[in-house]
Amino acid sequence: MVAPRSKLSEKHWQAIKLLEQGVPRKEIAGHLGWSYDYFRDLCAGDVSKAGFTADLFKKEVKKTEVMREEKTSELLNENMFRDIIKSWRLSRN
């Protein structure tokens, strides 16, 4: 059996935006009127508990997490580079 095609609602996109901002999942669930268990299942992509949208939602959350990890890595590298340059300049004095 082929699963019905689904798309994300405005509430789903709001949840993703709040996750991007680092809002705790319990707060997001409460804010959107969802139970925490449902939101956890949605984030896990559990279609048996959160419906067919859960798979798509999980994929979008994963994209967000990858982008956040890349940005964090960039910032860490920039900070390390600045620290190295600063140490080098201080050692020359």
PDB file of N, CA and C in Angstrom:
ATOM      1  N   MET A   1       0.841  -1.190   0.000  1.00  0.00           N
ATOM      2  CA  MET A   1       0.000   0.000   0.000  1.00  0.00           C
ATOM      3  C   MET A   1       0.879   1.244   0.000  1.00  0.00           C
ATOM      4  N   VAL A   2       0.561   2.187  -0.840  1.00  0.00           N
ATOM      5  CA  VAL A   2       1.309   3.434  -0.930  1.00  0.00           C
ATOM      6  C   VAL A   2       0.722   4.424   0.066  1.00  0.00           C
ATOM      7  N   ALA A   3       1.614   5.077   0.812  1.00  0.00           N
ATOM      8  CA  ALA A   3       1.162   6.066   1.799  1.00  0.00           C
ATOM      9  C   ALA A   3       0.629   7.294   1.080  1.00  0.00           C
ATOM     10  N   PRO A   4      -0.425   7.899   1.616  1.00  0.00           N
ATOM     11  CA  PRO A   4      -0.928   9.125   0.997  1.00  0.00           C
ATOM     12  C   PRO A   4       0.112  10.235   1.087  1.00  0.00           C
ATOM     13  N   ARG A   5       0.150  11.041   0.053  1.00  0.00           N
ATOM     14  CA  ARG A   5       1.091  12.159   0.023  1.00  0.00           C
ATOM     15  C   ARG A   5       0.645  13.198   1.062  1.00  0.00           C
ATOM     16  N   SER A   6       1.593  13.735   1.790  1.00  0.00           N
ATOM     17  CA  SER A   6       1.239  14.727   2.808  1.00  0.00           C
ATOM     18  C   SER A   6       2.131  15.942   2.678  1.00  0.00           C
ATOM     19  N   LYS A   7       1.686  17.036   3.245  1.00  0.00           N
ATOM     20  CA  LYS A   7       2.518  18.227   3.289  1.00  0.00           C
ATOM     21  C   LYS A   7       2.372  18.865   4.661  1.00  0.00           C
ATOM     22  N   LEU A   8       3.302  19.719   4.963  1.00  0.00           N
ATOM     23  CA  LEU A   8       3.328  20.331   6.291  1.00  0.00           C
ATOM     24  C   LEU A   8       2.352  21.499   6.372  1.00  0.00           C
ATOM     25  N   SER A   9       1.722  21.616   7.528  1.00  0.00           N
ATOM     26  CA  SER A   9       0.795  22.724   7.783  1.00  0.00           C
ATOM     27  C   SER A   9       1.569  23.921   8.327  1.00  0.00           C
ATOM     28  N   GLU A  10       0.873  25.007   8.488  1.00  0.00           N
ATOM     29  CA  GLU A  10       1.489  26.211   9.062  1.00  0.00           C
ATOM     30  C   GLU A  10       2.006  25.929  10.475  1.00  0.00           C
ATOM     31  N   LYS A  11       1.261  25.127  11.242  1.00  0.00           N
ATOM     32  CA  LYS A  11       1.716  24.769  12.597  1.00  0.00           C
ATOM     33  C   LYS A  11       3.032  24.003  12.559  1.00  0.00           C
ATOM     34  N   HIS A  12       3.170  23.107  11.587  1.00  0.00           N
ATOM     35  CA  HIS A  12       4.415  22.352  11.457  1.00  0.00           C
ATOM     36  C   HIS A  12       5.587  23.296  11.186  1.00  0.00           C
ATOM     37  N   TRP A  13       5.368  24.256  10.275  1.00  0.00           N
ATOM     38  CA  TRP A  13       6.444  25.211   9.959  1.00  0.00           C
ATOM     39  C   TRP A  13       6.764  26.096  11.159  1.00  0.00           C
ATOM     40  N   GLN A  14       5.748  26.454  11.932  1.00  0.00           N
ATOM     41  CA  GLN A  14       5.992  27.224  13.161  1.00  0.00           C
ATOM     42  C   GLN A  14       6.855  26.412  14.115  1.00  0.00           C
ATOM     43  N   ALA A  15       6.548  25.135  14.253  1.00  0.00           N
ATOM     44  CA  ALA A  15       7.318  24.265  15.145  1.00  0.00           C
ATOM     45  C   ALA A  15       8.772  24.183  14.689  1.00  0.00           C
ATOM     46  N   ILE A  16       8.983  24.046  13.390  1.00  0.00           N
ATOM     47  CA  ILE A  16      10.347  23.976  12.854  1.00  0.00           C
ATOM     48  C   ILE A  16      11.092  25.279  13.129  1.00  0.00           C
ATOM     49  N   LYS A  17      10.420  26.392  12.923  1.00  0.00           N
ATOM     50  CA  LYS A  17      11.042  27.705  13.183  1.00  0.00           C
ATOM     51  C   LYS A  17      11.432  27.826  14.661  1.00  0.00           C
ATOM     52  N   LEU A  18      10.559  27.388  15.552  1.00  0.00           N
ATOM     53  CA  LEU A  18      10.855  27.449  16.985  1.00  0.00           C
ATOM     54  C   LEU A  18      12.010  26.512  17.346  1.00  0.00           C
ATOM     55  N   LEU A  19      12.064  25.347  16.705  1.00  0.00           N
ATOM     56  CA  LEU A  19      13.193  24.432  16.934  1.00  0.00           C
ATOM     57  C   LEU A  19      14.497  25.095  16.488  1.00  0.00           C
ATOM     58  N   GLU A  20      14.457  25.790  15.352  1.00  0.00           N
ATOM     59  CA  GLU A  20      15.642  26.505  14.856  1.00  0.00           C
ATOM     60  C   GLU A  20      16.134  27.524  15.880  1.00  0.00           C
ATOM     61  N   GLN A  21      15.196  28.136  16.580  1.00  0.00           N
ATOM     62  CA  GLN A  21      15.529  29.167  17.562  1.00  0.00           C
ATOM     63  C   GLN A  21      15.962  28.582  18.898  1.00  0.00           C
ATOM     64  N   GLY A  22      15.901  27.257  19.016  1.00  0.00           N
ATOM     65  CA  GLY A  22      16.354  26.603  20.236  1.00  0.00           C
ATOM     66  C   GLY A  22      15.322  26.516  21.343  1.00  0.00           C
ATOM     67  N   VAL A  23      14.063  26.743  21.004  1.00  0.00           N
ATOM     68  CA  VAL A  23      12.998  26.641  22.002  1.00  0.00           C
ATOM     69  C   VAL A  23      12.842  25.165  22.389  1.00  0.00           C
ATOM     70  N   PRO A  24      12.739  24.863  23.682  1.00  0.00           N
ATOM     71  CA  PRO A  24      12.570  23.468  24.111  1.00  0.00           C
ATOM     72  C   PRO A  24      11.306  22.829  23.528  1.00  0.00           C
ATOM     73  N   ARG A  25      11.396  21.553  23.233  1.00  0.00           N
ATOM     74  CA  ARG A  25      10.286  20.840  22.600  1.00  0.00           C
ATOM     75  C   ARG A  25       9.008  20.868  23.425  1.00  0.00           C
ATOM     76  N   LYS A  26       9.122  20.781  24.746  1.00  0.00           N
ATOM     77  CA  LYS A  26       7.913  20.827  25.589  1.00  0.00           C
ATOM     78  C   LYS A  26       7.192  22.166  25.426  1.00  0.00           C
ATOM     79  N   GLU A  27       7.963  23.243  25.342  1.00  0.00           N
ATOM     80  CA  GLU A  27       7.356  24.569  25.163  1.00  0.00           C
ATOM     81  C   GLU A  27       6.695  24.690  23.796  1.00  0.00           C
ATOM     82  N   ILE A  28       7.348  24.155  22.779  1.00  0.00           N
ATOM     83  CA  ILE A  28       6.780  24.212  21.426  1.00  0.00           C
ATOM     84  C   ILE A  28       5.459  23.462  21.391  1.00  0.00           C
ATOM     85  N   ALA A  29       5.452  22.252  21.939  1.00  0.00           N
ATOM     86  CA  ALA A  29       4.226  21.440  21.948  1.00  0.00           C
ATOM     87  C   ALA A  29       3.095  22.189  22.645  1.00  0.00           C
ATOM     88  N   GLY A  30       3.375  22.742  23.804  1.00  0.00           N
ATOM     89  CA  GLY A  30       2.358  23.479  24.542  1.00  0.00           C
ATOM     90  C   GLY A  30       1.867  24.702  23.788  1.00  0.00           C
ATOM     91  N   HIS A  31       2.801  25.430  23.176  1.00  0.00           N
ATOM     92  CA  HIS A  31       2.472  26.642  22.425  1.00  0.00           C
ATOM     93  C   HIS A  31       1.548  26.331  21.245  1.00  0.00           C
ATOM     94  N   LEU A  32       1.765  25.190  20.615  1.00  0.00           N
ATOM     95  CA  LEU A  32       0.981  24.837  19.437  1.00  0.00           C
ATOM     96  C   LEU A  32      -0.251  23.995  19.762  1.00  0.00           C
ATOM     97  N   GLY A  33      -0.442  23.683  21.055  1.00  0.00           N
ATOM     98  CA  GLY A  33      -1.613  22.912  21.457  1.00  0.00           C
ATOM     99  C   GLY A  33      -1.486  21.419  21.202  1.00  0.00           C
ATOM    100  N   TRP A  34      -0.256  20.955  21.099  1.00  0.00           N
ATOM    101  CA  TRP A  34       0.012  19.532  20.902  1.00  0.00           C
ATOM    102  C   TRP A  34       0.478  18.927  22.207  1.00  0.00           C
ATOM    103  N   SER A  35       0.241  17.634  22.371  1.00  0.00           N
ATOM    104  CA  SER A  35       0.815  16.961  23.535  1.00  0.00           C
ATOM    105  C   SER A  35       2.306  16.772  23.268  1.00  0.00           C
ATOM    106  N   TYR A  36       3.069  16.694  24.342  1.00  0.00           N
ATOM    107  CA  TYR A  36       4.511  16.476  24.177  1.00  0.00           C
ATOM    108  C   TYR A  36       4.778  15.139  23.506  1.00  0.00           C
ATOM    109  N   ASP A  37       4.011  14.105  23.849  1.00  0.00           N
ATOM    110  CA  ASP A  37       4.195  12.782  23.243  1.00  0.00           C
ATOM    111  C   ASP A  37       3.982  12.838  21.726  1.00  0.00           C
ATOM    112  N   TYR A  38       2.946  13.552  21.291  1.00  0.00           N
ATOM    113  CA  TYR A  38       2.683  13.682  19.858  1.00  0.00           C
ATOM    114  C   TYR A  38       3.858  14.395  19.180  1.00  0.00           C
ATOM    115  N   PHE A  39       4.317  15.476  19.770  1.00  0.00           N
ATOM    116  CA  PHE A  39       5.403  16.246  19.159  1.00  0.00           C
ATOM    117  C   PHE A  39       6.686  15.420  19.110  1.00  0.00           C
ATOM    118  N   ARG A  40       6.943  14.661  20.150  1.00  0.00           N
ATOM    119  CA  ARG A  40       8.116  13.781  20.166  1.00  0.00           C
ATOM    120  C   ARG A  40       8.015  12.757  19.039  1.00  0.00           C
ATOM    121  N   ASP A  41       6.835  12.170  18.879  1.00  0.00           N
ATOM    122  CA  ASP A  41       6.625  11.191  17.806  1.00  0.00           C
ATOM    123  C   ASP A  41       6.748  11.847  16.428  1.00  0.00           C
ATOM    124  N   LEU A  42       6.263  13.064  16.314  1.00  0.00           N
ATOM    125  CA  LEU A  42       6.362  13.813  15.064  1.00  0.00           C
ATOM    126  C   LEU A  42       7.827  14.057  14.712  1.00  0.00           C
ATOM    127  N   CYS A  43       8.610  14.502  15.689  1.00  0.00           N
ATOM    128  CA  CYS A  43      10.041  14.761  15.473  1.00  0.00           C
ATOM    129  C   CYS A  43      10.800  13.474  15.131  1.00  0.00           C
ATOM    130  N   ALA A  44      10.336  12.359  15.671  1.00  0.00           N
ATOM    131  CA  ALA A  44      10.985  11.066  15.422  1.00  0.00           C
ATOM    132  C   ALA A  44      10.564  10.469  14.081  1.00  0.00           C
ATOM    133  N   GLY A  45       9.555  11.064  13.444  1.00  0.00           N
ATOM    134  CA  GLY A  45       9.080  10.551  12.168  1.00  0.00           C
ATOM    135  C   GLY A  45       8.235   9.302  12.301  1.00  0.00           C
ATOM    136  N   ASP A  46       7.625   9.113  13.460  1.00  0.00           N
ATOM    137  CA  ASP A  46       6.824   7.913  13.730  1.00  0.00           C
ATOM    138  C   ASP A  46       5.436   8.055  13.102  1.00  0.00           C
ATOM    139  N   VAL A  47       5.286   7.541  11.882  1.00  0.00           N
ATOM    140  CA  VAL A  47       4.019   7.682  11.168  1.00  0.00           C
ATOM    141  C   VAL A  47       2.881   6.884  11.813  1.00  0.00           C
ATOM    142  N   SER A  48       3.218   5.836  12.547  1.00  0.00           N
ATOM    143  CA  SER A  48       2.158   5.049  13.190  1.00  0.00           C
ATOM    144  C   SER A  48       1.518   5.803  14.348  1.00  0.00           C
ATOM    145  N   LYS A  49       2.252   6.752  14.935  1.00  0.00           N
ATOM    146  CA  LYS A  49       1.715   7.503  16.073  1.00  0.00           C
ATOM    147  C   LYS A  49       1.371   8.958  15.735  1.00  0.00           C
ATOM    148  N   ALA A  50       2.053   9.537  14.743  1.00  0.00           N
ATOM    149  CA  ALA A  50       1.850  10.953  14.447  1.00  0.00           C
ATOM    150  C   ALA A  50       1.329  11.198  13.030  1.00  0.00           C
ATOM    151  N   GLY A  51       1.005  10.152  12.306  1.00  0.00           N
ATOM    152  CA  GLY A  51       0.453  10.315  10.967  1.00  0.00           C
ATOM    153  C   GLY A  51       1.526  10.402   9.892  1.00  0.00           C
ATOM    154  N   PHE A  52       1.066  10.423   8.636  1.00  0.00           N
ATOM    155  CA  PHE A  52       1.981  10.388   7.500  1.00  0.00           C
ATOM    156  C   PHE A  52       2.859  11.634   7.389  1.00  0.00           C
ATOM    157  N   THR A  53       2.413  12.729   7.974  1.00  0.00           N
ATOM    158  CA  THR A  53       3.203  13.956   7.936  1.00  0.00           C
ATOM    159  C   THR A  53       4.490  13.819   8.744  1.00  0.00           C
ATOM    160  N   ALA A  54       4.521  12.901   9.677  1.00  0.00           N
ATOM    161  CA  ALA A  54       5.679  12.751  10.565  1.00  0.00           C
ATOM    162  C   ALA A  54       6.969  12.501   9.793  1.00  0.00           C
ATOM    163  N   ASP A  55       6.910  11.716   8.731  1.00  0.00           N
ATOM    164  CA  ASP A  55       8.111  11.420   7.951  1.00  0.00           C
ATOM    165  C   ASP A  55       8.670  12.692   7.313  1.00  0.00           C
ATOM    166  N   LEU A  56       7.804  13.468   6.698  1.00  0.00           N
ATOM    167  CA  LEU A  56       8.227  14.722   6.071  1.00  0.00           C
ATOM    168  C   LEU A  56       8.722  15.715   7.125  1.00  0.00           C
ATOM    169  N   PHE A  57       8.028  15.773   8.258  1.00  0.00           N
ATOM    170  CA  PHE A  57       8.423  16.687   9.326  1.00  0.00           C
ATOM    171  C   PHE A  57       9.828  16.342   9.825  1.00  0.00           C
ATOM    172  N   LYS A  58      10.079  15.065  10.031  1.00  0.00           N
ATOM    173  CA  LYS A  58      11.399  14.631  10.500  1.00  0.00           C
ATOM    174  C   LYS A  58      12.482  15.042   9.512  1.00  0.00           C
ATOM    175  N   LYS A  59      12.219  14.900   8.216  1.00  0.00           N
ATOM    176  CA  LYS A  59      13.202  15.289   7.198  1.00  0.00           C
ATOM    177  C   LYS A  59      13.501  16.783   7.261  1.00  0.00           C
ATOM    178  N   GLU A  60      12.473  17.590   7.454  1.00  0.00           N
ATOM    179  CA  GLU A  60      12.673  19.045   7.548  1.00  0.00           C
ATOM    180  C   GLU A  60      13.437  19.410   8.820  1.00  0.00           C
ATOM    181  N   VAL A  61      13.119  18.740   9.925  1.00  0.00           N
ATOM    182  CA  VAL A  61      13.842  18.976  11.180  1.00  0.00           C
ATOM    183  C   VAL A  61      15.312  18.609  11.007  1.00  0.00           C
ATOM    184  N   LYS A  62      15.566  17.511  10.323  1.00  0.00           N
ATOM    185  CA  LYS A  62      16.949  17.065  10.084  1.00  0.00           C
ATOM    186  C   LYS A  62      17.720  18.107   9.273  1.00  0.00           C
ATOM    187  N   LYS A  63      17.077  18.675   8.244  1.00  0.00           N
ATOM    188  CA  LYS A  63      17.727  19.733   7.453  1.00  0.00           C
ATOM    189  C   LYS A  63      18.113  20.902   8.350  1.00  0.00           C
ATOM    190  N   THR A  64      17.203  21.269   9.227  1.00  0.00           N
ATOM    191  CA  THR A  64      17.451  22.372  10.154  1.00  0.00           C
ATOM    192  C   THR A  64      18.623  22.049  11.076  1.00  0.00           C
ATOM    193  N   GLU A  65      18.656  20.820  11.582  1.00  0.00           N
ATOM    194  CA  GLU A  65      19.746  20.421  12.487  1.00  0.00           C
ATOM    195  C   GLU A  65      21.091  20.436  11.766  1.00  0.00           C
ATOM    196  N   VAL A  66      21.121  19.971  10.522  1.00  0.00           N
ATOM    197  CA  VAL A  66      22.367  19.959   9.740  1.00  0.00           C
ATOM    198  C   VAL A  66      22.845  21.388   9.514  1.00  0.00           C
ATOM    199  N   MET A  67      21.922  22.287   9.153  1.00  0.00           N
ATOM    200  CA  MET A  67      22.302  23.688   8.930  1.00  0.00           C
ATOM    201  C   MET A  67      22.824  24.323  10.221  1.00  0.00           C
ATOM    202  N   ARG A  68      22.195  24.013  11.349  1.00  0.00           N
ATOM    203  CA  ARG A  68      22.632  24.566  12.632  1.00  0.00           C
ATOM    204  C   ARG A  68      24.020  24.040  12.999  1.00  0.00           C
ATOM    205  N   GLU A  69      24.254  22.750  12.757  1.00  0.00           N
ATOM    206  CA  GLU A  69      25.565  22.162  13.048  1.00  0.00           C
ATOM    207  C   GLU A  69      26.650  22.780  12.166  1.00  0.00           C
ATOM    208  N   GLU A  70      26.332  23.013  10.890  1.00  0.00           N
ATOM    209  CA  GLU A  70      27.300  23.627   9.987  1.00  0.00           C
ATOM    210  C   GLU A  70      27.629  25.046  10.439  1.00  0.00           C
ATOM    211  N   LYS A  71      26.613  25.802  10.826  1.00  0.00           N
ATOM    212  CA  LYS A  71      26.827  27.181  11.286  1.00  0.00           C
ATOM    213  C   LYS A  71      27.655  27.197  12.564  1.00  0.00           C
ATOM    214  N   THR A  72      27.355  26.289  13.481  1.00  0.00           N
ATOM    215  CA  THR A  72      28.114  26.189  14.725  1.00  0.00           C
ATOM    216  C   THR A  72      29.573  25.868  14.434  1.00  0.00           C
ATOM    217  N   SER A  73      29.795  24.943  13.529  1.00  0.00           N
ATOM    218  CA  SER A  73      31.159  24.567  13.155  1.00  0.00           C
ATOM    219  C   SER A  73      31.900  25.754  12.540  1.00  0.00           C
ATOM    220  N   GLU A  74      31.216  26.497  11.677  1.00  0.00           N
ATOM    221  CA  GLU A  74      31.810  27.695  11.069  1.00  0.00           C
ATOM    222  C   GLU A  74      32.230  28.697  12.138  1.00  0.00           C
ATOM    223  N   LEU A  75      31.328  28.942  13.074  1.00  0.00           N
ATOM    224  CA  LEU A  75      31.621  29.913  14.127  1.00  0.00           C
ATOM    225  C   LEU A  75      32.786  29.457  14.998  1.00  0.00           C
ATOM    226  N   LEU A  76      32.823  28.174  15.320  1.00  0.00           N
ATOM    227  CA  LEU A  76      33.939  27.650  16.109  1.00  0.00           C
ATOM    228  C   LEU A  76      35.263  27.804  15.370  1.00  0.00           C
ATOM    229  N   ASN A  77      35.259  27.496  14.071  1.00  0.00           N
ATOM    230  CA  ASN A  77      36.473  27.646  13.278  1.00  0.00           C
ATOM    231  C   ASN A  77      36.924  29.099  13.204  1.00  0.00           C
ATOM    232  N   GLU A  78      35.974  30.017  13.039  1.00  0.00           N
ATOM    233  CA  GLU A  78      36.311  31.440  13.013  1.00  0.00           C
ATOM    234  C   GLU A  78      36.925  31.877  14.339  1.00  0.00           C
ATOM    235  N   ASN A  79      36.328  31.431  15.424  1.00  0.00           N
ATOM    236  CA  ASN A  79      36.843  31.798  16.749  1.00  0.00           C
ATOM    237  C   ASN A  79      38.229  31.215  16.986  1.00  0.00           C
ATOM    238  N   MET A  80      38.450  29.964  16.581  1.00  0.00           N
ATOM    239  CA  MET A  80      39.774  29.355  16.750  1.00  0.00           C
ATOM    240  C   MET A  80      40.807  30.107  15.916  1.00  0.00           C
ATOM    241  N   PHE A  81      40.442  30.469  14.699  1.00  0.00           N
ATOM    242  CA  PHE A  81      41.359  31.201  13.826  1.00  0.00           C
ATOM    243  C   PHE A  81      41.719  32.554  14.457  1.00  0.00           C
ATOM    244  N   ARG A  82      40.706  33.255  14.980  1.00  0.00           N
ATOM    245  CA  ARG A  82      40.966  34.537  15.646  1.00  0.00           C
ATOM    246  C   ARG A  82      41.894  34.362  16.836  1.00  0.00           C
ATOM    247  N   ASP A  83      41.662  33.298  17.631  1.00  0.00           N
ATOM    248  CA  ASP A  83      42.508  33.037  18.794  1.00  0.00           C
ATOM    249  C   ASP A  83      43.940  32.733  18.385  1.00  0.00           C
ATOM    250  N   ILE A  84      44.116  31.998  17.305  1.00  0.00           N
ATOM    251  CA  ILE A  84      45.464  31.674  16.821  1.00  0.00           C
ATOM    252  C   ILE A  84      46.185  32.944  16.378  1.00  0.00           C
ATOM    253  N   ILE A  85      45.491  33.776  15.619  1.00  0.00           N
ATOM    254  CA  ILE A  85      46.090  35.037  15.159  1.00  0.00           C
ATOM    255  C   ILE A  85      46.432  35.923  16.349  1.00  0.00           C
ATOM    256  N   LYS A  86      45.523  35.998  17.299  1.00  0.00           N
ATOM    257  CA  LYS A  86      45.753  36.827  18.481  1.00  0.00           C
ATOM    258  C   LYS A  86      46.973  36.320  19.256  1.00  0.00           C
ATOM    259  N   SER A  87      47.066  35.018  19.450  1.00  0.00           N
ATOM    260  CA  SER A  87      48.224  34.435  20.151  1.00  0.00           C
ATOM    261  C   SER A  87      49.508  34.695  19.393  1.00  0.00           C
ATOM    262  N   TRP A  88      49.461  34.564  18.097  1.00  0.00           N
ATOM    263  CA  TRP A  88      50.645  34.797  17.268  1.00  0.00           C
ATOM    264  C   TRP A  88      51.105  36.246  17.404  1.00  0.00           C
ATOM    265  N   ARG A  89      50.146  37.180  17.352  1.00  0.00           N
ATOM    266  CA  ARG A  89      50.493  38.604  17.472  1.00  0.00           C
ATOM    267  C   ARG A  89      51.084  38.907  18.850  1.00  0.00           C
ATOM    268  N   LEU A  90      50.500  38.306  19.876  1.00  0.00           N
ATOM    269  CA  LEU A  90      51.011  38.534  21.231  1.00  0.00           C
ATOM    270  C   LEU A  90      52.420  37.951  21.402  1.00  0.00           C
ATOM    271  N   SER A  91      52.686  36.847  20.756  1.00  0.00           N
ATOM    272  CA  SER A  91      54.012  36.199  20.881  1.00  0.00           C
ATOM    273  C   SER A  91      55.084  36.980  20.156  1.00  0.00           C
ATOM    274  N   ARG A  92      54.715  37.808  19.219  1.00  0.00           N
ATOM    275  CA  ARG A  92      55.699  38.590  18.458  1.00  0.00           C
ATOM    276  C   ARG A  92      56.122  39.835  19.234  1.00  0.00           C
ATOM    277  N   ASN A  93      55.369  40.212  20.238  1.00  0.00           N
ATOM    278  CA  ASN A  93      55.694  41.442  21.009  1.00  0.00           C
ATOM    279  C   ASN A  93      56.705  41.163  22.068  1.00  0.00           C
TER     280      ASN A  93
END
